[in-house]
Amino acid sequence: MVQERNIAVCVILSIVTLGIYGIYWMIVLANDVNTVSENPNGTSGVIVFLLSLVTCGIYYWYWSYQAGGKLYEAKQQKGIGGDNMAVVYLILCVVGLSIVTECLIQNELNKFAAPTAQ
C-alpha cells in the first residue's frame, strides 16, 4: 500500500531544498500511482524523471495526464468517489503549475493510504 504524506511538508521541503526533494517526491508519486492502479510494470518513477528531463518536461505532462486516468480507474475499482482529473492535471502542468498537480495527485493517493480505503 502507499504511504500517506503531508502535502504541506512536501511543498515546503521542495522549496527549501531548491527542488531536490521535489524530484524525489515526483519519483515516489509515479511509483505510488503504479501501486494503486495495480500496474507494477508501469513506467517507474526514475524513468518518468529521466524522460521528463530529456524531453524538457513534455513527458511529465503526458505522465500527469496518464496518472489522472489511472487514479480515476483505481478509485472506481475501490469504490472511492471522485472525478477524472486527468485534463486538469495536464492544464496545470502546461501553465507551469506542476507542483499543484503533484499536490492534487498526492491528495488522491492519501485517500488510498487511509485506513477506510483498505
N, C-alpha and C. Protein backbone atom coordinates (compact mmCIF):
# COMPACT_ATOMS: atom_id res chain seq x y z
N MET A 1 0.84 -1.18 0.00
CA MET A 1 0.00 0.00 0.00
C MET A 1 0.89 1.24 0.00
N VAL A 2 0.30 2.36 -0.29
CA VAL A 2 1.07 3.60 -0.38
C VAL A 2 1.13 4.30 0.98
N GLN A 3 2.14 5.11 1.13
CA GLN A 3 2.33 5.84 2.38
C GLN A 3 1.63 7.19 2.29
N GLU A 4 0.94 7.57 3.35
CA GLU A 4 0.30 8.89 3.40
C GLU A 4 1.37 9.94 3.67
N ARG A 5 1.35 11.01 2.88
CA ARG A 5 2.32 12.08 3.04
C ARG A 5 1.61 13.40 3.29
N ASN A 6 2.21 14.22 4.11
CA ASN A 6 1.68 15.55 4.39
C ASN A 6 2.06 16.46 3.21
N ILE A 7 1.06 16.97 2.53
CA ILE A 7 1.29 17.75 1.32
C ILE A 7 2.05 19.04 1.62
N ALA A 8 1.70 19.72 2.69
CA ALA A 8 2.37 20.97 3.04
C ALA A 8 3.86 20.74 3.31
N VAL A 9 4.19 19.67 4.00
CA VAL A 9 5.59 19.35 4.27
C VAL A 9 6.34 19.07 2.98
N CYS A 10 5.70 18.35 2.07
CA CYS A 10 6.34 18.04 0.78
C CYS A 10 6.62 19.32 -0.01
N VAL A 11 5.68 20.25 -0.01
CA VAL A 11 5.88 21.51 -0.73
C VAL A 11 6.99 22.33 -0.09
N ILE A 12 6.97 22.42 1.23
CA ILE A 12 8.00 23.19 1.94
C ILE A 12 9.38 22.59 1.71
N LEU A 13 9.48 21.27 1.79
CA LEU A 13 10.78 20.62 1.56
C LEU A 13 11.24 20.83 0.12
N SER A 14 10.31 20.82 -0.83
CA SER A 14 10.68 21.06 -2.22
C SER A 14 11.25 22.46 -2.40
N ILE A 15 10.68 23.44 -1.70
CA ILE A 15 11.16 24.82 -1.80
C ILE A 15 12.49 24.99 -1.09
N VAL A 16 12.59 24.45 0.13
CA VAL A 16 13.80 24.61 0.94
C VAL A 16 15.00 23.93 0.30
N THR A 17 14.79 22.78 -0.32
CA THR A 17 15.90 22.04 -0.93
C THR A 17 16.12 22.43 -2.39
N LEU A 18 15.48 23.52 -2.82
CA LEU A 18 15.63 24.04 -4.18
C LEU A 18 15.28 22.99 -5.24
N GLY A 19 14.27 22.20 -4.95
CA GLY A 19 13.75 21.26 -5.93
C GLY A 19 14.25 19.83 -5.82
N ILE A 20 15.26 19.60 -5.01
CA ILE A 20 15.81 18.25 -4.88
C ILE A 20 14.75 17.31 -4.29
N TYR A 21 14.06 17.74 -3.23
CA TYR A 21 13.01 16.91 -2.67
C TYR A 21 11.85 16.77 -3.65
N GLY A 22 11.62 17.78 -4.45
CA GLY A 22 10.57 17.72 -5.47
C GLY A 22 10.81 16.60 -6.47
N ILE A 23 12.07 16.38 -6.82
CA ILE A 23 12.40 15.28 -7.73
C ILE A 23 12.10 13.95 -7.06
N TYR A 24 12.52 13.81 -5.81
CA TYR A 24 12.22 12.58 -5.06
C TYR A 24 10.72 12.36 -4.96
N TRP A 25 9.99 13.43 -4.66
CA TRP A 25 8.54 13.34 -4.50
C TRP A 25 7.88 12.90 -5.80
N MET A 26 8.34 13.44 -6.93
CA MET A 26 7.79 13.05 -8.22
C MET A 26 8.04 11.56 -8.49
N ILE A 27 9.22 11.08 -8.17
CA ILE A 27 9.55 9.67 -8.37
C ILE A 27 8.65 8.79 -7.51
N VAL A 28 8.46 9.17 -6.26
CA VAL A 28 7.61 8.41 -5.36
C VAL A 28 6.16 8.44 -5.82
N LEU A 29 5.70 9.60 -6.30
CA LEU A 29 4.33 9.70 -6.80
C LEU A 29 4.10 8.74 -7.96
N ALA A 30 5.05 8.70 -8.88
CA ALA A 30 4.91 7.80 -10.04
C ALA A 30 4.84 6.35 -9.59
N ASN A 31 5.68 5.98 -8.65
CA ASN A 31 5.66 4.60 -8.15
C ASN A 31 4.36 4.30 -7.40
N ASP A 32 3.88 5.27 -6.62
CA ASP A 32 2.63 5.07 -5.87
C ASP A 32 1.43 4.96 -6.80
N VAL A 33 1.42 5.74 -7.88
CA VAL A 33 0.32 5.64 -8.85
C VAL A 33 0.31 4.25 -9.47
N ASN A 34 1.49 3.72 -9.78
CA ASN A 34 1.56 2.35 -10.30
C ASN A 34 1.05 1.34 -9.28
N THR A 35 1.33 1.57 -8.01
CA THR A 35 0.90 0.66 -6.96
C THR A 35 -0.62 0.65 -6.82
N VAL A 36 -1.23 1.82 -6.73
CA VAL A 36 -2.68 1.86 -6.53
C VAL A 36 -3.45 1.44 -7.77
N SER A 37 -2.86 1.63 -8.94
CA SER A 37 -3.53 1.20 -10.17
C SER A 37 -3.25 -0.27 -10.48
N GLU A 38 -2.53 -0.92 -9.57
CA GLU A 38 -2.18 -2.34 -9.71
C GLU A 38 -1.52 -2.62 -11.05
N ASN A 39 -0.57 -1.75 -11.38
CA ASN A 39 0.19 -1.86 -12.61
C ASN A 39 1.68 -1.83 -12.28
N PRO A 40 2.22 -2.96 -11.76
CA PRO A 40 3.62 -2.95 -11.34
C PRO A 40 4.60 -2.79 -12.50
N ASN A 41 4.15 -3.03 -13.72
CA ASN A 41 5.03 -2.89 -14.88
C ASN A 41 4.91 -1.52 -15.53
N GLY A 42 4.20 -0.59 -14.87
CA GLY A 42 4.08 0.76 -15.39
C GLY A 42 5.43 1.47 -15.34
N THR A 43 5.49 2.61 -15.96
CA THR A 43 6.73 3.38 -16.00
C THR A 43 7.15 3.77 -14.59
N SER A 44 8.36 3.38 -14.22
CA SER A 44 8.83 3.66 -12.86
C SER A 44 9.11 5.14 -12.69
N GLY A 45 9.20 5.55 -11.44
CA GLY A 45 9.43 6.96 -11.14
C GLY A 45 10.74 7.49 -11.68
N VAL A 46 11.77 6.67 -11.64
CA VAL A 46 13.08 7.10 -12.15
C VAL A 46 13.00 7.31 -13.66
N ILE A 47 12.33 6.42 -14.36
CA ILE A 47 12.18 6.57 -15.81
C ILE A 47 11.35 7.81 -16.14
N VAL A 48 10.29 8.05 -15.36
CA VAL A 48 9.48 9.26 -15.56
C VAL A 48 10.36 10.50 -15.42
N PHE A 49 11.20 10.52 -14.39
CA PHE A 49 12.09 11.66 -14.18
C PHE A 49 13.06 11.83 -15.34
N LEU A 50 13.70 10.73 -15.75
CA LEU A 50 14.70 10.82 -16.82
C LEU A 50 14.07 11.24 -18.15
N LEU A 51 12.91 10.66 -18.48
CA LEU A 51 12.25 11.05 -19.73
C LEU A 51 11.77 12.50 -19.67
N SER A 52 11.34 12.95 -18.50
CA SER A 52 10.94 14.35 -18.35
C SER A 52 12.13 15.28 -18.53
N LEU A 53 13.26 14.86 -18.01
CA LEU A 53 14.48 15.64 -18.14
C LEU A 53 14.92 15.74 -19.60
N VAL A 54 14.91 14.62 -20.30
CA VAL A 54 15.35 14.58 -21.69
C VAL A 54 14.41 15.35 -22.62
N THR A 55 13.11 15.32 -22.33
CA THR A 55 12.12 15.99 -23.19
C THR A 55 11.77 17.39 -22.70
N CYS A 56 12.57 17.93 -21.81
CA CYS A 56 12.34 19.27 -21.25
C CYS A 56 10.96 19.42 -20.62
N GLY A 57 10.49 18.36 -19.98
CA GLY A 57 9.25 18.41 -19.22
C GLY A 57 8.00 17.96 -19.97
N ILE A 58 8.10 17.75 -21.26
CA ILE A 58 6.92 17.37 -22.03
C ILE A 58 6.42 15.98 -21.62
N TYR A 59 7.34 15.06 -21.34
CA TYR A 59 6.91 13.73 -20.90
C TYR A 59 6.18 13.83 -19.56
N TYR A 60 6.57 14.76 -18.73
CA TYR A 60 5.89 14.94 -17.44
C TYR A 60 4.42 15.32 -17.65
N TRP A 61 4.16 16.14 -18.66
CA TRP A 61 2.77 16.49 -18.98
C TRP A 61 1.99 15.23 -19.33
N TYR A 62 2.59 14.40 -20.18
CA TYR A 62 1.95 13.15 -20.59
C TYR A 62 1.72 12.25 -19.37
N TRP A 63 2.74 12.12 -18.53
CA TRP A 63 2.61 11.27 -17.34
C TRP A 63 1.52 11.78 -16.41
N SER A 64 1.45 13.09 -16.23
CA SER A 64 0.42 13.66 -15.35
C SER A 64 -0.97 13.33 -15.87
N TYR A 65 -1.15 13.45 -17.16
CA TYR A 65 -2.45 13.11 -17.76
C TYR A 65 -2.77 11.63 -17.54
N GLN A 66 -1.80 10.77 -17.78
CA GLN A 66 -1.99 9.33 -17.59
C GLN A 66 -2.25 9.00 -16.12
N ALA A 67 -1.55 9.68 -15.21
CA ALA A 67 -1.74 9.44 -13.78
C ALA A 67 -3.18 9.77 -13.38
N GLY A 68 -3.73 10.83 -13.93
CA GLY A 68 -5.11 11.19 -13.64
C GLY A 68 -6.07 10.09 -14.05
N GLY A 69 -5.84 9.52 -15.21
CA GLY A 69 -6.69 8.42 -15.68
C GLY A 69 -6.54 7.17 -14.83
N LYS A 70 -5.31 6.85 -14.47
CA LYS A 70 -5.06 5.66 -13.64
C LYS A 70 -5.69 5.81 -12.26
N LEU A 71 -5.56 7.00 -11.68
CA LEU A 71 -6.15 7.22 -10.36
C LEU A 71 -7.67 7.15 -10.42
N TYR A 72 -8.26 7.66 -11.49
CA TYR A 72 -9.71 7.60 -11.64
C TYR A 72 -10.18 6.15 -11.72
N GLU A 73 -9.49 5.35 -12.52
CA GLU A 73 -9.86 3.94 -12.63
C GLU A 73 -9.68 3.21 -11.30
N ALA A 74 -8.60 3.51 -10.59
CA ALA A 74 -8.36 2.87 -9.30
C ALA A 74 -9.44 3.27 -8.29
N LYS A 75 -9.86 4.54 -8.32
CA LYS A 75 -10.92 4.98 -7.41
C LYS A 75 -12.23 4.26 -7.73
N GLN A 76 -12.51 4.07 -9.00
CA GLN A 76 -13.73 3.38 -9.39
C GLN A 76 -13.71 1.93 -8.90
N GLN A 77 -12.56 1.27 -9.02
CA GLN A 77 -12.43 -0.12 -8.59
C GLN A 77 -12.57 -0.26 -7.08
N LYS A 78 -12.06 0.71 -6.33
CA LYS A 78 -12.10 0.65 -4.87
C LYS A 78 -13.39 1.23 -4.29
N GLY A 79 -14.23 1.81 -5.14
CA GLY A 79 -15.47 2.39 -4.66
C GLY A 79 -15.30 3.75 -4.02
N ILE A 80 -14.20 4.43 -4.34
CA ILE A 80 -13.96 5.78 -3.82
C ILE A 80 -14.47 6.75 -4.88
N GLY A 81 -15.36 7.63 -4.50
CA GLY A 81 -15.94 8.57 -5.46
C GLY A 81 -14.94 9.63 -5.89
N GLY A 82 -15.24 10.24 -7.01
CA GLY A 82 -14.39 11.33 -7.48
C GLY A 82 -14.45 11.47 -8.99
N ASP A 83 -13.94 12.57 -9.46
CA ASP A 83 -13.94 12.86 -10.89
C ASP A 83 -12.62 12.47 -11.52
N ASN A 84 -12.63 12.38 -12.85
CA ASN A 84 -11.41 12.15 -13.60
C ASN A 84 -10.70 13.50 -13.76
N MET A 85 -9.56 13.63 -13.12
CA MET A 85 -8.84 14.90 -13.08
C MET A 85 -7.71 14.98 -14.10
N ALA A 86 -7.66 14.05 -15.05
CA ALA A 86 -6.55 13.98 -15.99
C ALA A 86 -6.36 15.29 -16.76
N VAL A 87 -7.43 15.86 -17.27
CA VAL A 87 -7.32 17.09 -18.05
C VAL A 87 -6.88 18.25 -17.17
N VAL A 88 -7.36 18.29 -15.94
CA VAL A 88 -6.96 19.35 -15.01
C VAL A 88 -5.46 19.25 -14.74
N TYR A 89 -4.96 18.03 -14.51
CA TYR A 89 -3.52 17.85 -14.28
C TYR A 89 -2.72 18.33 -15.47
N LEU A 90 -3.17 17.99 -16.67
CA LEU A 90 -2.46 18.40 -17.89
C LEU A 90 -2.44 19.92 -18.02
N ILE A 91 -3.57 20.56 -17.82
CA ILE A 91 -3.64 22.02 -17.96
C ILE A 91 -2.75 22.70 -16.93
N LEU A 92 -2.77 22.21 -15.69
CA LEU A 92 -1.92 22.81 -14.66
C LEU A 92 -0.44 22.69 -15.03
N CYS A 93 -0.05 21.55 -15.58
CA CYS A 93 1.35 21.38 -15.98
C CYS A 93 1.72 22.31 -17.13
N VAL A 94 0.84 22.45 -18.10
CA VAL A 94 1.12 23.29 -19.26
C VAL A 94 1.29 24.75 -18.86
N VAL A 95 0.51 25.21 -17.88
CA VAL A 95 0.64 26.62 -17.46
C VAL A 95 1.71 26.81 -16.38
N GLY A 96 2.48 25.77 -16.08
CA GLY A 96 3.60 25.92 -15.17
C GLY A 96 3.30 25.66 -13.72
N LEU A 97 2.20 25.02 -13.41
CA LEU A 97 1.84 24.73 -12.02
C LEU A 97 1.96 23.24 -11.71
N SER A 98 3.08 22.68 -12.05
CA SER A 98 3.29 21.24 -11.84
C SER A 98 3.25 20.87 -10.37
N ILE A 99 3.68 21.78 -9.51
CA ILE A 99 3.66 21.46 -8.08
C ILE A 99 2.23 21.34 -7.58
N VAL A 100 1.31 22.08 -8.17
CA VAL A 100 -0.11 21.94 -7.80
C VAL A 100 -0.62 20.58 -8.24
N THR A 101 -0.18 20.14 -9.42
CA THR A 101 -0.54 18.81 -9.91
C THR A 101 -0.05 17.75 -8.95
N GLU A 102 1.19 17.89 -8.50
CA GLU A 102 1.74 16.92 -7.56
C GLU A 102 0.95 16.93 -6.25
N CYS A 103 0.54 18.09 -5.80
CA CYS A 103 -0.27 18.17 -4.57
C CYS A 103 -1.61 17.47 -4.75
N LEU A 104 -2.24 17.67 -5.89
CA LEU A 104 -3.52 17.02 -6.15
C LEU A 104 -3.38 15.51 -6.27
N ILE A 105 -2.32 15.07 -6.94
CA ILE A 105 -2.08 13.62 -7.05
C ILE A 105 -1.82 13.03 -5.68
N GLN A 106 -1.02 13.72 -4.86
CA GLN A 106 -0.75 13.23 -3.51
C GLN A 106 -2.02 13.17 -2.69
N ASN A 107 -2.90 14.15 -2.85
CA ASN A 107 -4.17 14.14 -2.14
C ASN A 107 -4.98 12.90 -2.52
N GLU A 108 -5.01 12.57 -3.80
CA GLU A 108 -5.72 11.37 -4.24
C GLU A 108 -5.07 10.11 -3.68
N LEU A 109 -3.74 10.07 -3.68
CA LEU A 109 -3.04 8.89 -3.14
C LEU A 109 -3.26 8.75 -1.65
N ASN A 110 -3.38 9.86 -0.92
CA ASN A 110 -3.63 9.80 0.51
C ASN A 110 -4.97 9.13 0.81
N LYS A 111 -5.92 9.24 -0.11
CA LYS A 111 -7.21 8.57 0.07
C LYS A 111 -7.05 7.04 0.06
N PHE A 112 -6.07 6.56 -0.73
CA PHE A 112 -5.82 5.13 -0.77
C PHE A 112 -5.04 4.66 0.45
N ALA A 113 -4.29 5.57 1.07
CA ALA A 113 -3.49 5.22 2.25
C ALA A 113 -4.33 5.24 3.52
N ALA A 114 -5.48 5.89 3.48
CA ALA A 114 -6.33 5.98 4.67
C ALA A 114 -6.84 4.60 5.06
N PRO A 115 -6.99 4.34 6.34
CA PRO A 115 -7.46 3.02 6.80
C PRO A 115 -8.84 2.62 6.25
N THR A 116 -9.70 3.61 5.96
CA THR A 116 -11.03 3.30 5.46
C THR A 116 -10.99 2.82 4.01
N ALA A 117 -9.91 3.12 3.28
CA ALA A 117 -9.83 2.73 1.89
C ALA A 117 -9.40 1.27 1.72
N GLN A 118 -8.91 0.65 2.78
CA GLN A 118 -8.41 -0.73 2.67
C GLN A 118 -9.47 -1.69 2.79
